[in-house]
PDB file of N, CA and C in Angstrom:
ATOM      1  N   MET A   1       0.773  -2.861  15.765  1.00  0.00           N
ATOM      2  CA  MET A   1       1.565  -3.182  14.084  1.00  0.00           C
ATOM      3  C   MET A   1       2.400  -1.628  14.441  1.00  0.00           C
ATOM      4  N   ALA A   2       3.780  -1.358  14.394  1.00  0.00           N
ATOM      5  CA  ALA A   2       4.311  -0.226  14.194  1.00  0.00           C
ATOM      6  C   ALA A   2       4.505   0.604  13.018  1.00  0.00           C
ATOM      7  N   GLN A   3       4.364   1.532  13.232  1.00  0.00           N
ATOM      8  CA  GLN A   3       4.181   2.525  12.584  1.00  0.00           C
ATOM      9  C   GLN A   3       5.672   3.425  12.201  1.00  0.00           C
ATOM     10  N   GLU A   4       5.691   3.059   9.998  1.00  0.00           N
ATOM     11  CA  GLU A   4       5.907   3.134   9.475  1.00  0.00           C
ATOM     12  C   GLU A   4       7.208   4.467   9.793  1.00  0.00           C
ATOM     13  N   ALA A   5       7.697   4.853   9.346  1.00  0.00           N
ATOM     14  CA  ALA A   5       8.771   5.896   9.469  1.00  0.00           C
ATOM     15  C   ALA A   5       8.071   6.809   7.691  1.00  0.00           C
ATOM     16  N   ARG A   6       7.837   8.223   8.517  1.00  0.00           N
ATOM     17  CA  ARG A   6       7.668   9.236   7.040  1.00  0.00           C
ATOM     18  C   ARG A   6       8.716   9.390   6.703  1.00  0.00           C
ATOM     19  N   ALA A   7       8.383   9.704   5.185  1.00  0.00           N
ATOM     20  CA  ALA A   7       9.537  10.546   4.391  1.00  0.00           C
ATOM     21  C   ALA A   7       9.414  11.788   4.064  1.00  0.00           C
ATOM     22  N   LEU A   8      10.394  12.523   4.255  1.00  0.00           N
ATOM     23  CA  LEU A   8      10.428  13.936   4.038  1.00  0.00           C
ATOM     24  C   LEU A   8      11.659  14.878   2.384  1.00  0.00           C
ATOM     25  N   LEU A   9      10.341  15.705   1.627  1.00  0.00           N
ATOM     26  CA  LEU A   9      11.090  15.728   1.015  1.00  0.00           C
ATOM     27  C   LEU A   9      10.584  17.015   0.930  1.00  0.00           C
ATOM     28  N   SER A  10      12.285  17.900   0.813  1.00  0.00           N
ATOM     29  CA  SER A  10      11.570  20.055   0.992  1.00  0.00           C
ATOM     30  C   SER A  10      12.609  20.420   0.134  1.00  0.00           C
ATOM     31  N   VAL A  11      11.635  20.863  -0.826  1.00  0.00           N
ATOM     32  CA  VAL A  11      12.084  22.206  -2.006  1.00  0.00           C
ATOM     33  C   VAL A  11      12.364  23.282  -1.166  1.00  0.00           C
ATOM     34  N   VAL A  12      13.638  23.413  -1.410  1.00  0.00           N
ATOM     35  CA  VAL A  12      14.162  24.944  -1.014  1.00  0.00           C
ATOM     36  C   VAL A  12      14.684  25.797  -2.393  1.00  0.00           C
ATOM     37  N   LEU A  13      14.609  26.775  -2.251  1.00  0.00           N
ATOM     38  CA  LEU A  13      15.769  27.842  -3.162  1.00  0.00           C
ATOM     39  C   LEU A  13      16.700  28.249  -2.741  1.00  0.00           C
ATOM     40  N   SER A  14      17.754  28.074  -3.561  1.00  0.00           N
ATOM     41  CA  SER A  14      19.187  27.912  -2.930  1.00  0.00           C
ATOM     42  C   SER A  14      20.204  29.573  -2.597  1.00  0.00           C
ATOM     43  N   ARG A  15      21.069  30.342  -3.020  1.00  0.00           N
ATOM     44  CA  ARG A  15      21.503  31.545  -2.824  1.00  0.00           C
ATOM     45  C   ARG A  15      21.314  31.759  -3.486  1.00  0.00           C
ATOM     46  N   ASP A  16      21.801  30.621  -5.148  1.00  0.00           N
ATOM     47  CA  ASP A  16      22.429  31.070  -6.400  1.00  0.00           C
ATOM     48  C   ASP A  16      21.228  30.628  -6.583  1.00  0.00           C
ATOM     49  N   GLY A  17      19.868  30.908  -6.764  1.00  0.00           N
ATOM     50  CA  GLY A  17      18.908  30.321  -7.654  1.00  0.00           C
ATOM     51  C   GLY A  17      18.240  29.661  -8.043  1.00  0.00           C
ATOM     52  N   VAL A  18      18.650  28.679  -7.570  1.00  0.00           N
ATOM     53  CA  VAL A  18      18.955  26.396  -8.760  1.00  0.00           C
ATOM     54  C   VAL A  18      17.775  26.812  -7.024  1.00  0.00           C
ATOM     55  N   TRP A  19      16.536  25.199  -7.695  1.00  0.00           N
ATOM     56  CA  TRP A  19      15.769  24.792  -6.913  1.00  0.00           C
ATOM     57  C   TRP A  19      16.536  23.308  -6.451  1.00  0.00           C
ATOM     58  N   SER A  20      15.488  22.871  -4.834  1.00  0.00           N
ATOM     59  CA  SER A  20      16.638  21.625  -4.791  1.00  0.00           C
ATOM     60  C   SER A  20      15.695  21.101  -4.104  1.00  0.00           C
ATOM     61  N   VAL A  21      15.141  19.245  -4.109  1.00  0.00           N
ATOM     62  CA  VAL A  21      14.269  18.872  -3.902  1.00  0.00           C
ATOM     63  C   VAL A  21      14.846  17.726  -2.851  1.00  0.00           C
ATOM     64  N   ASN A  22      15.867  17.976  -1.400  1.00  0.00           N
ATOM     65  CA  ASN A  22      16.116  17.365  -0.710  1.00  0.00           C
ATOM     66  C   ASN A  22      15.073  15.891   0.475  1.00  0.00           C
ATOM     67  N   GLU A  23      15.712  14.800  -1.028  1.00  0.00           N
ATOM     68  CA  GLU A  23      15.109  13.752  -0.099  1.00  0.00           C
ATOM     69  C   GLU A  23      15.818  12.777   1.447  1.00  0.00           C
ATOM     70  N   ARG A  24      14.825  12.699   2.539  1.00  0.00           N
ATOM     71  CA  ARG A  24      15.158  12.142   4.260  1.00  0.00           C
ATOM     72  C   ARG A  24      14.341  11.428   4.044  1.00  0.00           C
ATOM     73  N   GLY A  25      14.255   9.904   4.409  1.00  0.00           N
ATOM     74  CA  GLY A  25      13.454   8.733   5.328  1.00  0.00           C
ATOM     75  C   GLY A  25      14.579   8.006   5.447  1.00  0.00           C
ATOM     76  N   PRO A  26      13.880   7.541   6.521  1.00  0.00           N
ATOM     77  CA  PRO A  26      14.999   5.625   6.755  1.00  0.00           C
ATOM     78  C   PRO A  26      15.616   5.449   6.653  1.00  0.00           C
ATOM     79  N   SER A  27      15.586   5.117   4.892  1.00  0.00           N
ATOM     80  CA  SER A  27      16.861   4.409   4.357  1.00  0.00           C
ATOM     81  C   SER A  27      17.504   5.335   3.079  1.00  0.00           C
ATOM     82  N   ARG A  28      16.764   6.683   3.324  1.00  0.00           N
ATOM     83  CA  ARG A  28      17.591   7.117   1.905  1.00  0.00           C
ATOM     84  C   ARG A  28      17.457   8.813   2.282  1.00  0.00           C
ATOM     85  N   VAL A  29      18.996   9.473   1.377  1.00  0.00           N
ATOM     86  CA  VAL A  29      18.841  11.012   1.973  1.00  0.00           C
ATOM     87  C   VAL A  29      19.721  10.725   0.058  1.00  0.00           C
ATOM     88  N   SER A  30      18.950  12.288  -0.312  1.00  0.00           N
ATOM     89  CA  SER A  30      19.386  12.382  -1.421  1.00  0.00           C
ATOM     90  C   SER A  30      18.672  13.623  -2.221  1.00  0.00           C
ATOM     91  N   VAL A  31      19.903  14.118  -2.838  1.00  0.00           N
ATOM     92  CA  VAL A  31      19.408  15.832  -2.955  1.00  0.00           C
ATOM     93  C   VAL A  31      19.098  15.472  -4.097  1.00  0.00           C
ATOM     94  N   ALA A  32      18.437  16.439  -5.619  1.00  0.00           N
ATOM     95  CA  ALA A  32      18.232  16.890  -6.956  1.00  0.00           C
ATOM     96  C   ALA A  32      18.694  18.463  -6.915  1.00  0.00           C
ATOM     97  N   TYR A  33      18.439  18.661  -8.734  1.00  0.00           N
ATOM     98  CA  TYR A  33      17.991  19.470  -8.263  1.00  0.00           C
ATOM     99  C   TYR A  33      18.041  20.263  -9.598  1.00  0.00           C
ATOM    100  N   PHE A  34      16.970  21.693 -10.382  1.00  0.00           N
ATOM    101  CA  PHE A  34      16.427  21.328 -10.966  1.00  0.00           C
ATOM    102  C   PHE A  34      16.583  23.212 -11.420  1.00  0.00           C
ATOM    103  N   PRO A  35      16.244  22.947 -12.392  1.00  0.00           N
ATOM    104  CA  PRO A  35      16.709  24.682 -12.790  1.00  0.00           C
ATOM    105  C   PRO A  35      15.462  25.835 -12.554  1.00  0.00           C
ATOM    106  N   SER A  36      14.020  25.610 -12.571  1.00  0.00           N
ATOM    107  CA  SER A  36      12.403  26.240 -11.646  1.00  0.00           C
ATOM    108  C   SER A  36      11.599  25.221 -10.643  1.00  0.00           C
ATOM    109  N   LYS A  37      10.917  25.914 -10.006  1.00  0.00           N
ATOM    110  CA  LYS A  37      10.673  25.387  -9.303  1.00  0.00           C
ATOM    111  C   LYS A  37       9.335  24.955  -9.712  1.00  0.00           C
ATOM    112  N   TRP A  38       8.457  25.182 -11.189  1.00  0.00           N
ATOM    113  CA  TRP A  38       7.788  23.888 -11.713  1.00  0.00           C
ATOM    114  C   TRP A  38       8.465  23.082 -11.676  1.00  0.00           C
ATOM    115  N   GLY A  39       9.365  22.655 -12.161  1.00  0.00           N
ATOM    116  CA  GLY A  39      10.432  21.305 -12.039  1.00  0.00           C
ATOM    117  C   GLY A  39      10.839  20.293 -10.853  1.00  0.00           C
ATOM    118  N   ALA A  40      11.359  21.184  -9.388  1.00  0.00           N
ATOM    119  CA  ALA A  40      11.650  20.941  -8.683  1.00  0.00           C
ATOM    120  C   ALA A  40      10.279  20.151  -7.927  1.00  0.00           C
ATOM    121  N   MET A  41       9.118  21.313  -8.004  1.00  0.00           N
ATOM    122  CA  MET A  41       7.631  20.918  -7.386  1.00  0.00           C
ATOM    123  C   MET A  41       7.380  19.509  -8.028  1.00  0.00           C
ATOM    124  N   ARG A  42       7.401  19.646  -9.268  1.00  0.00           N
ATOM    125  CA  ARG A  42       7.077  17.851  -9.936  1.00  0.00           C
ATOM    126  C   ARG A  42       7.699  16.468 -10.226  1.00  0.00           C
ATOM    127  N   HIS A  43       8.942  16.599  -9.486  1.00  0.00           N
ATOM    128  CA  HIS A  43       9.686  15.960  -8.622  1.00  0.00           C
ATOM    129  C   HIS A  43       9.470  15.465  -8.037  1.00  0.00           C
ATOM    130  N   ALA A  44       9.701  16.362  -7.023  1.00  0.00           N
ATOM    131  CA  ALA A  44       9.023  15.825  -5.859  1.00  0.00           C
ATOM    132  C   ALA A  44       7.700  15.244  -5.350  1.00  0.00           C
ATOM    133  N   VAL A  45       6.567  15.662  -5.852  1.00  0.00           N
ATOM    134  CA  VAL A  45       5.133  14.598  -5.863  1.00  0.00           C
ATOM    135  C   VAL A  45       5.374  13.993  -6.654  1.00  0.00           C
ATOM    136  N   ARG A  46       6.222  14.010  -7.594  1.00  0.00           N
ATOM    137  CA  ARG A  46       6.051  12.606  -8.198  1.00  0.00           C
ATOM    138  C   ARG A  46       7.092  11.151  -7.285  1.00  0.00           C
ATOM    139  N   VAL A  47       7.674  11.183  -5.898  1.00  0.00           N
ATOM    140  CA  VAL A  47       8.344  11.104  -5.617  1.00  0.00           C
ATOM    141  C   VAL A  47       7.785  10.718  -4.202  1.00  0.00           C
ATOM    142  N   ALA A  48       7.231  11.234  -3.839  1.00  0.00           N
ATOM    143  CA  ALA A  48       5.978  11.330  -3.199  1.00  0.00           C
ATOM    144  C   ALA A  48       4.402  10.076  -3.629  1.00  0.00           C
ATOM    145  N   LYS A  49       4.341  10.458  -4.369  1.00  0.00           N
ATOM    146  CA  LYS A  49       3.243   9.756  -4.752  1.00  0.00           C
ATOM    147  C   LYS A  49       3.311   8.045  -5.109  1.00  0.00           C
ATOM    148  N   ALA A  50       4.790   7.600  -4.932  1.00  0.00           N
ATOM    149  CA  ALA A  50       6.102   6.659  -5.387  1.00  0.00           C
ATOM    150  C   ALA A  50       5.745   6.565  -3.892  1.00  0.00           C
ATOM    151  N   LYS A  51       5.500   6.441  -2.843  1.00  0.00           N
ATOM    152  CA  LYS A  51       6.393   5.940  -1.361  1.00  0.00           C
ATOM    153  C   LYS A  51       5.142   5.623  -0.961  1.00  0.00           C
ATOM    154  N   ARG A  52       4.418   5.334   0.222  1.00  0.00           N
ATOM    155  CA  ARG A  52       3.106   4.388   0.729  1.00  0.00           C
ATOM    156  C   ARG A  52       3.983   5.662   2.057  1.00  0.00           C
ATOM    157  N   CYS A  53       4.179   6.421   2.425  1.00  0.00           N
ATOM    158  CA  CYS A  53       3.946   7.863   3.144  1.00  0.00           C
ATOM    159  C   CYS A  53       5.156   8.724   2.941  1.00  0.00           C
ATOM    160  N   CYS A  54       4.902  10.207   2.748  1.00  0.00           N
ATOM    161  CA  CYS A  54       5.632  10.841   2.670  1.00  0.00           C
ATOM    162  C   CYS A  54       4.968  12.563   2.886  1.00  0.00           C
ATOM    163  N   ARG A  55       5.915  13.381   3.429  1.00  0.00           N
ATOM    164  CA  ARG A  55       5.692  14.594   3.544  1.00  0.00           C
ATOM    165  C   ARG A  55       6.420  14.995   2.383  1.00  0.00           C
ATOM    166  N   VAL A  56       5.169  16.340   1.571  1.00  0.00           N
ATOM    167  CA  VAL A  56       6.429  16.739   1.032  1.00  0.00           C
ATOM    168  C   VAL A  56       6.386  18.682   1.530  1.00  0.00           C
ATOM    169  N   ALA A  57       7.136  18.887   1.963  1.00  0.00           N
ATOM    170  CA  ALA A  57       7.188  21.170   2.577  1.00  0.00           C
ATOM    171  C   ALA A  57       8.061  22.204   1.495  1.00  0.00           C
ATOM    172  N   VAL A  58       7.496  23.008   1.275  1.00  0.00           N
ATOM    173  CA  VAL A  58       8.258  24.548   0.554  1.00  0.00           C
ATOM    174  C   VAL A  58       8.531  25.023   1.464  1.00  0.00           C
ATOM    175  N   LEU A  59      10.258  25.291   1.298  1.00  0.00           N
ATOM    176  CA  LEU A  59      10.526  25.724   2.660  1.00  0.00           C
ATOM    177  C   LEU A  59      11.073  27.797   2.425  1.00  0.00           C
ATOM    178  N   GLU A  60      11.036  28.326   3.287  1.00  0.00           N
ATOM    179  CA  GLU A  60      11.676  29.443   2.777  1.00  0.00           C
ATOM    180  C   GLU A  60      13.207  29.701   2.759  1.00  0.00           C
ATOM    181  N   ARG A  61      13.888  30.952   2.182  1.00  0.00           N
ATOM    182  CA  ARG A  61      15.114  31.168   2.642  1.00  0.00           C
ATOM    183  C   ARG A  61      15.557  30.896   4.188  1.00  0.00           C
ATOM    184  N   GLY A  62      14.869  31.723   4.522  1.00  0.00           N
ATOM    185  CA  GLY A  62      14.805  31.226   6.277  1.00  0.00           C
ATOM    186  C   GLY A  62      14.217  29.468   6.677  1.00  0.00           C
ATOM    187  N   GLY A  63      14.170  28.907   5.920  1.00  0.00           N
ATOM    188  CA  GLY A  63      14.113  27.350   6.702  1.00  0.00           C
ATOM    189  C   GLY A  63      12.772  27.028   7.594  1.00  0.00           C
ATOM    190  N   GLU A  64      11.465  28.541   7.647  1.00  0.00           N
ATOM    191  CA  GLU A  64      10.404  28.280   7.587  1.00  0.00           C
ATOM    192  C   GLU A  64       9.778  27.586   7.058  1.00  0.00           C
ATOM    193  N   VAL A  65       8.814  26.432   7.414  1.00  0.00           N
ATOM    194  CA  VAL A  65       7.698  25.715   6.305  1.00  0.00           C
ATOM    195  C   VAL A  65       6.375  26.540   5.728  1.00  0.00           C
ATOM    196  N   ARG A  66       6.385  27.046   4.485  1.00  0.00           N
ATOM    197  CA  ARG A  66       5.479  28.050   3.646  1.00  0.00           C
ATOM    198  C   ARG A  66       4.643  26.737   3.921  1.00  0.00           C
ATOM    199  N   LEU A  67       4.672  25.815   2.923  1.00  0.00           N
ATOM    200  CA  LEU A  67       3.733  24.951   2.672  1.00  0.00           C
ATOM    201  C   LEU A  67       3.715  23.498   2.660  1.00  0.00           C
ATOM    202  N   ALA A  68       2.762  22.618   3.280  1.00  0.00           N
ATOM    203  CA  ALA A  68       3.274  21.235   3.806  1.00  0.00           C
ATOM    204  C   ALA A  68       1.794  20.376   3.431  1.00  0.00           C
ATOM    205  N   ARG A  69       1.800  19.081   2.493  1.00  0.00           N
ATOM    206  CA  ARG A  69       0.715  18.568   1.953  1.00  0.00           C
ATOM    207  C   ARG A  69       1.841  17.052   2.568  1.00  0.00           C
ATOM    208  N   ASP A  70       0.289  16.437   3.335  1.00  0.00           N
ATOM    209  CA  ASP A  70       1.223  14.688   3.513  1.00  0.00           C
ATOM    210  C   ASP A  70       0.637  13.638   2.398  1.00  0.00           C
ATOM    211  N   TYR A  71       1.616  12.492   1.913  1.00  0.00           N
ATOM    212  CA  TYR A  71       0.542  11.626   1.050  1.00  0.00           C
ATOM    213  C   TYR A  71       0.743  10.678   1.546  1.00  0.00           C
ATOM    214  N   ASP A  72      -0.347  10.059   1.826  1.00  0.00           N
ATOM    215  CA  ASP A  72      -0.391   8.565   2.005  1.00  0.00           C
ATOM    216  C   ASP A  72      -1.198   7.722   0.982  1.00  0.00           C
ATOM    217  N   ASN A  73      -0.066   6.718   0.670  1.00  0.00           N
ATOM    218  CA  ASN A  73      -0.508   6.109  -0.473  1.00  0.00           C
ATOM    219  C   ASN A  73      -0.911   4.337  -0.166  1.00  0.00           C
ATOM    220  N   ASP A  74      -1.765   4.200  -0.455  1.00  0.00           N
ATOM    221  CA  ASP A  74      -2.528   2.943   0.045  1.00  0.00           C
ATOM    222  C   ASP A  74      -1.926   1.929  -1.349  1.00  0.00           C
ATOM    223  N   SER A  75      -1.705   3.026  -2.349  1.00  0.00           N
ATOM    224  CA  SER A  75      -1.716   2.010  -3.687  1.00  0.00           C
ATOM    225  C   SER A  75      -0.266   2.070  -4.278  1.00  0.00           C
ATOM    226  N   ALA A  76       0.435   2.640  -3.534  1.00  0.00           N
ATOM    227  CA  ALA A  76       2.037   2.117  -3.903  1.00  0.00           C
ATOM    228  C   ALA A  76       2.600   0.938  -3.472  1.00  0.00           C
ATOM    229  N   ARG A  77       1.454   0.336  -2.631  1.00  0.00           N
ATOM    230  CA  ARG A  77       2.733  -1.205  -1.170  1.00  0.00           C
ATOM    231  C   ARG A  77       2.170  -2.031  -3.268  1.00  0.00           C
ATOM    232  N   VAL A  78       3.706  -2.467  -2.838  1.00  0.00           N
ATOM    233  CA  VAL A  78       3.593  -4.118  -3.965  1.00  0.00           C
ATOM    234  C   VAL A  78       2.955  -5.221  -3.060  1.00  0.00           C
ATOM    235  N   GLU A  79       2.279  -6.034  -3.289  1.00  0.00           N
ATOM    236  CA  GLU A  79       2.116  -7.457  -2.672  1.00  0.00           C
ATOM    237  C   GLU A  79       2.624  -8.449  -3.937  1.00  0.00           C
ATOM    238  N   THR A  80       3.354  -9.450  -3.539  1.00  0.00           N
ATOM    239  CA  THR A  80       3.553 -10.743  -4.012  1.00  0.00           C
ATOM    240  C   THR A  80       3.562 -11.199  -3.658  1.00  0.00           C
ATOM    241  N   PRO A  81       3.078 -12.212  -4.439  1.00  0.00           N
ATOM    242  CA  PRO A  81       2.401 -13.723  -3.777  1.00  0.00           C
ATOM    243  C   PRO A  81       3.187 -14.772  -3.432  1.00  0.00           C
TER     244      PRO A  81
END
């Protein structure tokens, strides 16, 4: 069985003080902007919980990973009859 590619959601503070959530996956690339860290983190966790497997990482300004968590959600699978 082939291993599914894991999507990455990175939460980072830009130089102008805006928080962004960058999603990179095998079939999707998107960016969302938020005025607060709380809003960005809440969005990232909601997206991660909706996906089958995903990693959320909070990045420092230099690009180093400050905090990371993997989400493996078997309940996110949708079975059709």
